[in-house]
């Protein structure tokens, strides 16, 4: 990865991404996996804009690491799952 930001599994973050393949260090699914998505929504519940910024930076890094795919786009994988519309408390 050449973007300057490093993404790798740490001992304090379950379901962290393993680069350069962008799989989950805990469950092996494509990152962000379902458990990580749920955790991110909870962690960023008060600031969805920052969640979008974080996932956008992950998307940019993954685009450098991963080959083009015929499947779902990286944008769908990293950002497409975010709820739309106003946040309901």
PDB file of N, CA and C in Angstrom:
ATOM      1  N   UNK A   1       0.857  -1.170   0.000  1.00  0.00           N
ATOM      2  CA  UNK A   1       0.000   0.000   0.000  1.00  0.00           C
ATOM      3  C   UNK A   1       0.897   1.224   0.000  1.00  0.00           C
ATOM      4  N   UNK A   2       0.503   2.234  -0.744  1.00  0.00           N
ATOM      5  CA  UNK A   2       1.361   3.400  -0.887  1.00  0.00           C
ATOM      6  C   UNK A   2       0.754   4.679  -0.346  1.00  0.00           C
ATOM      7  N   UNK A   3      -0.394   4.633   0.281  1.00  0.00           N
ATOM      8  CA  UNK A   3      -1.097   5.845   0.658  1.00  0.00           C
ATOM      9  C   UNK A   3      -0.631   6.529   1.924  1.00  0.00           C
ATOM     10  N   UNK A   4       0.275   5.944   2.676  1.00  0.00           N
ATOM     11  CA  UNK A   4       0.728   6.592   3.891  1.00  0.00           C
ATOM     12  C   UNK A   4      -0.021   6.112   5.121  1.00  0.00           C
ATOM     13  N   UNK A   5      -1.313   5.869   5.020  1.00  0.00           N
ATOM     14  CA  UNK A   5      -2.071   5.337   6.142  1.00  0.00           C
ATOM     15  C   UNK A   5      -1.864   3.831   6.172  1.00  0.00           C
ATOM     16  N   UNK A   6      -1.649   3.304   7.341  1.00  0.00           N
ATOM     17  CA  UNK A   6      -1.449   1.865   7.471  1.00  0.00           C
ATOM     18  C   UNK A   6      -2.672   1.250   8.121  1.00  0.00           C
ATOM     19  N   UNK A   7      -3.149   0.160   7.552  1.00  0.00           N
ATOM     20  CA  UNK A   7      -4.290  -0.558   8.083  1.00  0.00           C
ATOM     21  C   UNK A   7      -3.839  -1.989   8.303  1.00  0.00           C
ATOM     22  N   UNK A   8      -3.865  -2.427   9.545  1.00  0.00           N
ATOM     23  CA  UNK A   8      -3.517  -3.806   9.830  1.00  0.00           C
ATOM     24  C   UNK A   8      -4.170  -4.206  11.139  1.00  0.00           C
ATOM     25  N   UNK A   9      -4.224  -5.498  11.355  1.00  0.00           N
ATOM     26  CA  UNK A   9      -4.849  -6.001  12.570  1.00  0.00           C
ATOM     27  C   UNK A   9      -4.010  -5.640  13.782  1.00  0.00           C
ATOM     28  N   UNK A  10      -4.669  -5.281  14.842  1.00  0.00           N
ATOM     29  CA  UNK A  10      -3.971  -5.039  16.093  1.00  0.00           C
ATOM     30  C   UNK A  10      -4.609  -5.912  17.159  1.00  0.00           C
ATOM     31  N   UNK A  11      -3.940  -6.064  18.252  1.00  0.00           N
ATOM     32  CA  UNK A  11      -4.468  -6.916  19.305  1.00  0.00           C
ATOM     33  C   UNK A  11      -5.655  -6.270  20.009  1.00  0.00           C
ATOM     34  N   UNK A  12      -5.858  -4.977  19.850  1.00  0.00           N
ATOM     35  CA  UNK A  12      -6.961  -4.305  20.528  1.00  0.00           C
ATOM     36  C   UNK A  12      -8.177  -4.105  19.650  1.00  0.00           C
ATOM     37  N   UNK A  13      -8.109  -4.461  18.380  1.00  0.00           N
ATOM     38  CA  UNK A  13      -9.219  -4.207  17.464  1.00  0.00           C
ATOM     39  C   UNK A  13      -9.654  -5.496  16.781  1.00  0.00           C
ATOM     40  N   UNK A  14     -10.683  -6.133  17.322  1.00  0.00           N
ATOM     41  CA  UNK A  14     -11.248  -7.289  16.643  1.00  0.00           C
ATOM     42  C   UNK A  14     -11.842  -6.834  15.320  1.00  0.00           C
ATOM     43  N   UNK A  15     -11.763  -7.693  14.347  1.00  0.00           N
ATOM     44  CA  UNK A  15     -12.308  -7.447  13.015  1.00  0.00           C
ATOM     45  C   UNK A  15     -11.598  -6.292  12.308  1.00  0.00           C
ATOM     46  N   UNK A  16     -10.305  -6.181  12.511  1.00  0.00           N
ATOM     47  CA  UNK A  16      -9.483  -5.185  11.816  1.00  0.00           C
ATOM     48  C   UNK A  16      -9.120  -5.718  10.430  1.00  0.00           C
ATOM     49  N   UNK A  17      -8.833  -4.820   9.491  1.00  0.00           N
ATOM     50  CA  UNK A  17      -8.467  -5.275   8.148  1.00  0.00           C
ATOM     51  C   UNK A  17      -7.026  -5.761   8.080  1.00  0.00           C
ATOM     52  N   UNK A  18      -6.835  -6.830   7.326  1.00  0.00           N
ATOM     53  CA  UNK A  18      -5.491  -7.299   7.003  1.00  0.00           C
ATOM     54  C   UNK A  18      -5.207  -6.866   5.575  1.00  0.00           C
ATOM     55  N   UNK A  19      -4.182  -6.053   5.414  1.00  0.00           N
ATOM     56  CA  UNK A  19      -3.823  -5.593   4.081  1.00  0.00           C
ATOM     57  C   UNK A  19      -2.640  -6.404   3.584  1.00  0.00           C
ATOM     58  N   UNK A  20      -2.438  -6.555   2.310  1.00  0.00           N
ATOM     59  CA  UNK A  20      -3.086  -5.815   1.241  1.00  0.00           C
ATOM     60  C   UNK A  20      -4.355  -6.473   0.710  1.00  0.00           C
ATOM     61  N   UNK A  21      -4.767  -7.615   1.279  1.00  0.00           N
ATOM     62  CA  UNK A  21      -5.939  -8.311   0.755  1.00  0.00           C
ATOM     63  C   UNK A  21      -7.272  -7.805   1.249  1.00  0.00           C
ATOM     64  N   UNK A  22      -7.255  -6.977   2.290  1.00  0.00           N
ATOM     65  CA  UNK A  22      -8.465  -6.381   2.861  1.00  0.00           C
ATOM     66  C   UNK A  22      -9.481  -7.430   3.284  1.00  0.00           C
ATOM     67  N   UNK A  23      -8.973  -8.428   4.027  1.00  0.00           N
ATOM     68  CA  UNK A  23      -9.851  -9.402   4.672  1.00  0.00           C
ATOM     69  C   UNK A  23      -9.848  -9.106   6.166  1.00  0.00           C
ATOM     70  N   UNK A  24     -10.827  -9.644   6.853  1.00  0.00           N
ATOM     71  CA  UNK A  24     -10.943  -9.425   8.294  1.00  0.00           C
ATOM     72  C   UNK A  24      -9.952 -10.327   9.022  1.00  0.00           C
ATOM     73  N   UNK A  25      -9.205  -9.748   9.954  1.00  0.00           N
ATOM     74  CA  UNK A  25      -8.221 -10.502  10.726  1.00  0.00           C
ATOM     75  C   UNK A  25      -8.872 -11.501  11.677  1.00  0.00           C
ATOM     76  N   UNK A  26     -10.143 -11.285  12.009  1.00  0.00           N
ATOM     77  CA  UNK A  26     -10.824 -12.147  12.965  1.00  0.00           C
ATOM     78  C   UNK A  26     -11.613 -13.260  12.289  1.00  0.00           C
ATOM     79  N   UNK A  27     -12.438 -12.892  11.294  1.00  0.00           N
ATOM     80  CA  UNK A  27     -13.334 -13.889  10.693  1.00  0.00           C
ATOM     81  C   UNK A  27     -12.971 -14.263   9.266  1.00  0.00           C
ATOM     82  N   UNK A  28     -12.066 -13.532   8.633  1.00  0.00           N
ATOM     83  CA  UNK A  28     -11.629 -13.861   7.281  1.00  0.00           C
ATOM     84  C   UNK A  28     -12.519 -13.361   6.164  1.00  0.00           C
ATOM     85  N   UNK A  29     -13.641 -12.736   6.497  1.00  0.00           N
ATOM     86  CA  UNK A  29     -14.550 -12.205   5.472  1.00  0.00           C
ATOM     87  C   UNK A  29     -13.946 -10.952   4.848  1.00  0.00           C
ATOM     88  N   UNK A  30     -14.518 -10.526   3.740  1.00  0.00           N
ATOM     89  CA  UNK A  30     -14.093  -9.253   3.159  1.00  0.00           C
ATOM     90  C   UNK A  30     -14.334  -8.160   4.187  1.00  0.00           C
ATOM     91  N   UNK A  31     -13.342  -7.277   4.307  1.00  0.00           N
ATOM     92  CA  UNK A  31     -13.469  -6.185   5.260  1.00  0.00           C
ATOM     93  C   UNK A  31     -14.075  -4.966   4.579  1.00  0.00           C
ATOM     94  N   UNK A  32     -14.997  -4.243   5.200  1.00  0.00           N
ATOM     95  CA  UNK A  32     -15.504  -4.419   6.543  1.00  0.00           C
ATOM     96  C   UNK A  32     -16.559  -5.529   6.599  1.00  0.00           C
ATOM     97  N   UNK A  33     -16.335  -6.477   7.477  1.00  0.00           N
ATOM     98  CA  UNK A  33     -17.253  -7.600   7.655  1.00  0.00           C
ATOM     99  C   UNK A  33     -18.488  -7.126   8.439  1.00  0.00           C
ATOM    100  N   UNK A  34     -19.486  -7.974   8.517  1.00  0.00           N
ATOM    101  CA  UNK A  34     -20.731  -7.599   9.206  1.00  0.00           C
ATOM    102  C   UNK A  34     -20.502  -7.189  10.667  1.00  0.00           C
ATOM    103  N   UNK A  35     -19.707  -7.945  11.445  1.00  0.00           N
ATOM    104  CA  UNK A  35     -19.491  -7.492  12.833  1.00  0.00           C
ATOM    105  C   UNK A  35     -18.802  -6.129  12.906  1.00  0.00           C
ATOM    106  N   UNK A  36     -17.850  -5.875  12.014  1.00  0.00           N
ATOM    107  CA  UNK A  36     -17.157  -4.582  12.032  1.00  0.00           C
ATOM    108  C   UNK A  36     -18.101  -3.457  11.616  1.00  0.00           C
ATOM    109  N   UNK A  37     -18.962  -3.725  10.645  1.00  0.00           N
ATOM    110  CA  UNK A  37     -19.936  -2.709  10.239  1.00  0.00           C
ATOM    111  C   UNK A  37     -20.809  -2.305  11.411  1.00  0.00           C
ATOM    112  N   UNK A  38     -21.303  -3.303  12.147  1.00  0.00           N
ATOM    113  CA  UNK A  38     -22.151  -3.012  13.311  1.00  0.00           C
ATOM    114  C   UNK A  38     -21.370  -2.216  14.354  1.00  0.00           C
ATOM    115  N   UNK A  39     -20.105  -2.596  14.589  1.00  0.00           N
ATOM    116  CA  UNK A  39     -19.274  -1.889  15.561  1.00  0.00           C
ATOM    117  C   UNK A  39     -19.016  -0.449  15.116  1.00  0.00           C
ATOM    118  N   UNK A  40     -18.735  -0.257  13.829  1.00  0.00           N
ATOM    119  CA  UNK A  40     -18.492   1.097  13.315  1.00  0.00           C
ATOM    120  C   UNK A  40     -19.729   1.979  13.460  1.00  0.00           C
ATOM    121  N   UNK A  41     -20.895   1.434  13.153  1.00  0.00           N
ATOM    122  CA  UNK A  41     -22.126   2.219  13.305  1.00  0.00           C
ATOM    123  C   UNK A  41     -22.315   2.644  14.763  1.00  0.00           C
ATOM    124  N   UNK A  42     -21.988   1.769  15.686  1.00  0.00           N
ATOM    125  CA  UNK A  42     -22.105   2.102  17.106  1.00  0.00           C
ATOM    126  C   UNK A  42     -21.050   3.140  17.510  1.00  0.00           C
ATOM    127  N   UNK A  43     -19.804   2.920  17.099  1.00  0.00           N
ATOM    128  CA  UNK A  43     -18.728   3.832  17.480  1.00  0.00           C
ATOM    129  C   UNK A  43     -18.936   5.238  16.929  1.00  0.00           C
ATOM    130  N   UNK A  44     -19.480   5.332  15.727  1.00  0.00           N
ATOM    131  CA  UNK A  44     -19.642   6.627  15.064  1.00  0.00           C
ATOM    132  C   UNK A  44     -21.106   7.086  15.055  1.00  0.00           C
ATOM    133  N   UNK A  45     -21.908   6.592  15.956  1.00  0.00           N
ATOM    134  CA  UNK A  45     -23.340   6.912  15.942  1.00  0.00           C
ATOM    135  C   UNK A  45     -23.606   8.414  16.044  1.00  0.00           C
ATOM    136  N   UNK A  46     -22.726   9.139  16.727  1.00  0.00           N
ATOM    137  CA  UNK A  46     -22.920  10.579  16.894  1.00  0.00           C
ATOM    138  C   UNK A  46     -22.253  11.394  15.783  1.00  0.00           C
ATOM    139  N   UNK A  47     -21.481  10.741  14.911  1.00  0.00           N
ATOM    140  CA  UNK A  47     -20.762  11.491  13.882  1.00  0.00           C
ATOM    141  C   UNK A  47     -20.616  10.653  12.617  1.00  0.00           C
ATOM    142  N   UNK A  48     -21.725  10.509  11.897  1.00  0.00           N
ATOM    143  CA  UNK A  48     -21.717   9.701  10.676  1.00  0.00           C
ATOM    144  C   UNK A  48     -20.819  10.302   9.608  1.00  0.00           C
ATOM    145  N   UNK A  49     -20.629  11.615   9.623  1.00  0.00           N
ATOM    146  CA  UNK A  49     -19.749  12.241   8.636  1.00  0.00           C
ATOM    147  C   UNK A  49     -18.319  11.725   8.814  1.00  0.00           C
ATOM    148  N   UNK A  50     -17.858  11.613  10.049  1.00  0.00           N
ATOM    149  CA  UNK A  50     -16.506  11.089  10.297  1.00  0.00           C
ATOM    150  C   UNK A  50     -16.401   9.619   9.907  1.00  0.00           C
ATOM    151  N   UNK A  51     -17.475   8.860  10.083  1.00  0.00           N
ATOM    152  CA  UNK A  51     -17.475   7.466   9.636  1.00  0.00           C
ATOM    153  C   UNK A  51     -17.292   7.410   8.131  1.00  0.00           C
ATOM    154  N   UNK A  52     -17.960   8.292   7.420  1.00  0.00           N
ATOM    155  CA  UNK A  52     -17.812   8.336   5.963  1.00  0.00           C
ATOM    156  C   UNK A  52     -16.393   8.710   5.563  1.00  0.00           C
ATOM    157  N   UNK A  53     -15.792   9.646   6.283  1.00  0.00           N
ATOM    158  CA  UNK A  53     -14.407  10.038   6.003  1.00  0.00           C
ATOM    159  C   UNK A  53     -13.475   8.848   6.253  1.00  0.00           C
ATOM    160  N   UNK A  54     -13.649   8.169   7.373  1.00  0.00           N
ATOM    161  CA  UNK A  54     -12.815   7.013   7.700  1.00  0.00           C
ATOM    162  C   UNK A  54     -12.944   5.927   6.633  1.00  0.00           C
ATOM    163  N   UNK A  55     -14.179   5.583   6.289  1.00  0.00           N
ATOM    164  CA  UNK A  55     -14.382   4.534   5.287  1.00  0.00           C
ATOM    165  C   UNK A  55     -13.894   4.973   3.910  1.00  0.00           C
ATOM    166  N   UNK A  56     -14.004   6.257   3.612  1.00  0.00           N
ATOM    167  CA  UNK A  56     -13.471   6.763   2.344  1.00  0.00           C
ATOM    168  C   UNK A  56     -11.966   6.604   2.269  1.00  0.00           C
ATOM    169  N   UNK A  57     -11.272   6.821   3.393  1.00  0.00           N
ATOM    170  CA  UNK A  57      -9.820   6.635   3.397  1.00  0.00           C
ATOM    171  C   UNK A  57      -9.470   5.158   3.257  1.00  0.00           C
ATOM    172  N   UNK A  58     -10.258   4.301   3.864  1.00  0.00           N
ATOM    173  CA  UNK A  58     -10.052   2.852   3.691  1.00  0.00           C
ATOM    174  C   UNK A  58     -10.301   2.455   2.241  1.00  0.00           C
ATOM    175  N   UNK A  59     -11.345   2.998   1.645  1.00  0.00           N
ATOM    176  CA  UNK A  59     -11.665   2.728   0.243  1.00  0.00           C
ATOM    177  C   UNK A  59     -10.514   3.138  -0.665  1.00  0.00           C
ATOM    178  N   UNK A  60      -9.962   4.308  -0.437  1.00  0.00           N
ATOM    179  CA  UNK A  60      -8.847   4.786  -1.261  1.00  0.00           C
ATOM    180  C   UNK A  60      -7.634   3.866  -1.134  1.00  0.00           C
ATOM    181  N   UNK A  61      -7.336   3.453   0.087  1.00  0.00           N
ATOM    182  CA  UNK A  61      -6.206   2.555   0.301  1.00  0.00           C
ATOM    183  C   UNK A  61      -6.460   1.192  -0.346  1.00  0.00           C
ATOM    184  N   UNK A  62      -7.666   0.675  -0.205  1.00  0.00           N
ATOM    185  CA  UNK A  62      -7.997  -0.627  -0.795  1.00  0.00           C
ATOM    186  C   UNK A  62      -7.946  -0.566  -2.315  1.00  0.00           C
ATOM    187  N   UNK A  63      -8.339   0.554  -2.892  1.00  0.00           N
ATOM    188  CA  UNK A  63      -8.302   0.704  -4.348  1.00  0.00           C
ATOM    189  C   UNK A  63      -6.874   0.602  -4.866  1.00  0.00           C
ATOM    190  N   UNK A  64      -5.904   1.017  -4.052  1.00  0.00           N
ATOM    191  CA  UNK A  64      -4.497   0.885  -4.431  1.00  0.00           C
ATOM    192  C   UNK A  64      -4.013  -0.554  -4.297  1.00  0.00           C
ATOM    193  N   UNK A  65      -4.549  -1.275  -3.314  1.00  0.00           N
ATOM    194  CA  UNK A  65      -4.078  -2.619  -3.006  1.00  0.00           C
ATOM    195  C   UNK A  65      -4.741  -3.726  -3.818  1.00  0.00           C
ATOM    196  N   UNK A  66      -6.018  -3.573  -4.105  1.00  0.00           N
ATOM    197  CA  UNK A  66      -6.789  -4.662  -4.712  1.00  0.00           C
ATOM    198  C   UNK A  66      -6.911  -4.500  -6.227  1.00  0.00           C
ATOM    199  N   UNK A  67      -6.898  -5.611  -6.954  1.00  0.00           N
ATOM    200  CA  UNK A  67      -7.089  -5.532  -8.404  1.00  0.00           C
ATOM    201  C   UNK A  67      -8.545  -5.195  -8.723  1.00  0.00           C
ATOM    202  N   UNK A  68      -8.808  -4.655  -9.914  1.00  0.00           N
ATOM    203  CA  UNK A  68     -10.203  -4.402 -10.305  1.00  0.00           C
ATOM    204  C   UNK A  68     -11.002  -5.708 -10.250  1.00  0.00           C
ATOM    205  N   UNK A  69     -12.260  -5.596  -9.875  1.00  0.00           N
ATOM    206  CA  UNK A  69     -13.112  -6.772  -9.718  1.00  0.00           C
ATOM    207  C   UNK A  69     -14.343  -6.668 -10.599  1.00  0.00           C
ATOM    208  N   UNK A  70     -14.823  -7.821 -11.029  1.00  0.00           N
ATOM    209  CA  UNK A  70     -16.070  -7.858 -11.793  1.00  0.00           C
ATOM    210  C   UNK A  70     -17.275  -7.934 -10.873  1.00  0.00           C
ATOM    211  N   UNK A  71     -17.047  -8.170  -9.600  1.00  0.00           N
ATOM    212  CA  UNK A  71     -18.124  -8.260  -8.626  1.00  0.00           C
ATOM    213  C   UNK A  71     -18.572  -6.886  -8.174  1.00  0.00           C
ATOM    214  N   UNK A  72     -19.174  -6.846  -6.993  1.00  0.00           N
ATOM    215  CA  UNK A  72     -19.601  -5.548  -6.459  1.00  0.00           C
ATOM    216  C   UNK A  72     -18.416  -4.584  -6.370  1.00  0.00           C
ATOM    217  N   UNK A  73     -18.694  -3.315  -6.561  1.00  0.00           N
ATOM    218  CA  UNK A  73     -17.629  -2.311  -6.550  1.00  0.00           C
ATOM    219  C   UNK A  73     -17.075  -2.130  -5.141  1.00  0.00           C
ATOM    220  N   UNK A  74     -15.859  -1.635  -5.076  1.00  0.00           N
ATOM    221  CA  UNK A  74     -15.272  -1.320  -3.776  1.00  0.00           C
ATOM    222  C   UNK A  74     -16.090  -0.250  -3.067  1.00  0.00           C
ATOM    223  N   UNK A  75     -16.658   0.668  -3.829  1.00  0.00           N
ATOM    224  CA  UNK A  75     -17.490   1.708  -3.207  1.00  0.00           C
ATOM    225  C   UNK A  75     -18.680   1.069  -2.501  1.00  0.00           C
ATOM    226  N   UNK A  76     -19.315   0.090  -3.135  1.00  0.00           N
ATOM    227  CA  UNK A  76     -20.429  -0.599  -2.475  1.00  0.00           C
ATOM    228  C   UNK A  76     -19.944  -1.327  -1.226  1.00  0.00           C
ATOM    229  N   UNK A  77     -18.792  -1.970  -1.333  1.00  0.00           N
ATOM    230  CA  UNK A  77     -18.241  -2.743  -0.218  1.00  0.00           C
ATOM    231  C   UNK A  77     -17.894  -1.860   0.969  1.00  0.00           C
ATOM    232  N   UNK A  78     -17.293  -0.717   0.732  1.00  0.00           N
ATOM    233  CA  UNK A  78     -16.810   0.119   1.828  1.00  0.00           C
ATOM    234  C   UNK A  78     -17.815   1.161   2.289  1.00  0.00           C
ATOM    235  N   UNK A  79     -18.635   1.688   1.395  1.00  0.00           N
ATOM    236  CA  UNK A  79     -19.520   2.795   1.754  1.00  0.00           C
ATOM    237  C   UNK A  79     -20.992   2.492   1.481  1.00  0.00           C
ATOM    238  N   UNK A  80     -21.273   1.628   0.529  1.00  0.00           N
ATOM    239  CA  UNK A  80     -22.643   1.376   0.099  1.00  0.00           C
ATOM    240  C   UNK A  80     -23.574   0.838   1.172  1.00  0.00           C
ATOM    241  N   UNK A  81     -23.045   0.278   2.210  1.00  0.00           N
ATOM    242  CA  UNK A  81     -23.865  -0.296   3.275  1.00  0.00           C
ATOM    243  C   UNK A  81     -24.306   0.723   4.322  1.00  0.00           C
ATOM    244  N   UNK A  82     -23.747   1.930   4.273  1.00  0.00           N
ATOM    245  CA  UNK A  82     -24.102   2.941   5.272  1.00  0.00           C
ATOM    246  C   UNK A  82     -25.565   3.337   5.146  1.00  0.00           C
ATOM    247  N   UNK A  83     -26.258   3.468   6.275  1.00  0.00           N
ATOM    248  CA  UNK A  83     -27.655   3.914   6.225  1.00  0.00           C
ATOM    249  C   UNK A  83     -27.754   5.313   5.616  1.00  0.00           C
ATOM    250  N   UNK A  84     -28.798   5.544   4.866  1.00  0.00           N
ATOM    251  CA  UNK A  84     -29.013   6.846   4.250  1.00  0.00           C
ATOM    252  C   UNK A  84     -30.043   7.625   5.052  1.00  0.00           C
ATOM    253  N   UNK A  85     -29.998   8.918   4.885  1.00  0.00           N
ATOM    254  CA  UNK A  85     -30.989   9.763   5.545  1.00  0.00           C
ATOM    255  C   UNK A  85     -30.538  10.179   6.924  1.00  0.00           C
ATOM    256  N   UNK A  86     -31.383  10.931   7.608  1.00  0.00           N
ATOM    257  CA  UNK A  86     -31.022  11.446   8.925  1.00  0.00           C
ATOM    258  C   UNK A  86     -30.872  10.307   9.933  1.00  0.00           C
ATOM    259  N   UNK A  87     -29.953  10.526  10.865  1.00  0.00           N
ATOM    260  CA  UNK A  87     -29.730   9.551  11.934  1.00  0.00           C
ATOM    261  C   UNK A  87     -30.875   9.644  12.925  1.00  0.00           C
ATOM    262  N   UNK A  88     -31.401   8.500  13.309  1.00  0.00           N
ATOM    263  CA  UNK A  88     -32.470   8.454  14.304  1.00  0.00           C
ATOM    264  C   UNK A  88     -31.869   8.010  15.626  1.00  0.00           C
ATOM    265  N   UNK A  89     -32.091   8.780  16.658  1.00  0.00           N
ATOM    266  CA  UNK A  89     -31.508   8.439  17.981  1.00  0.00           C
ATOM    267  C   UNK A  89     -32.406   7.497  18.724  1.00  0.00           C
TER     268      UNK A  89
END
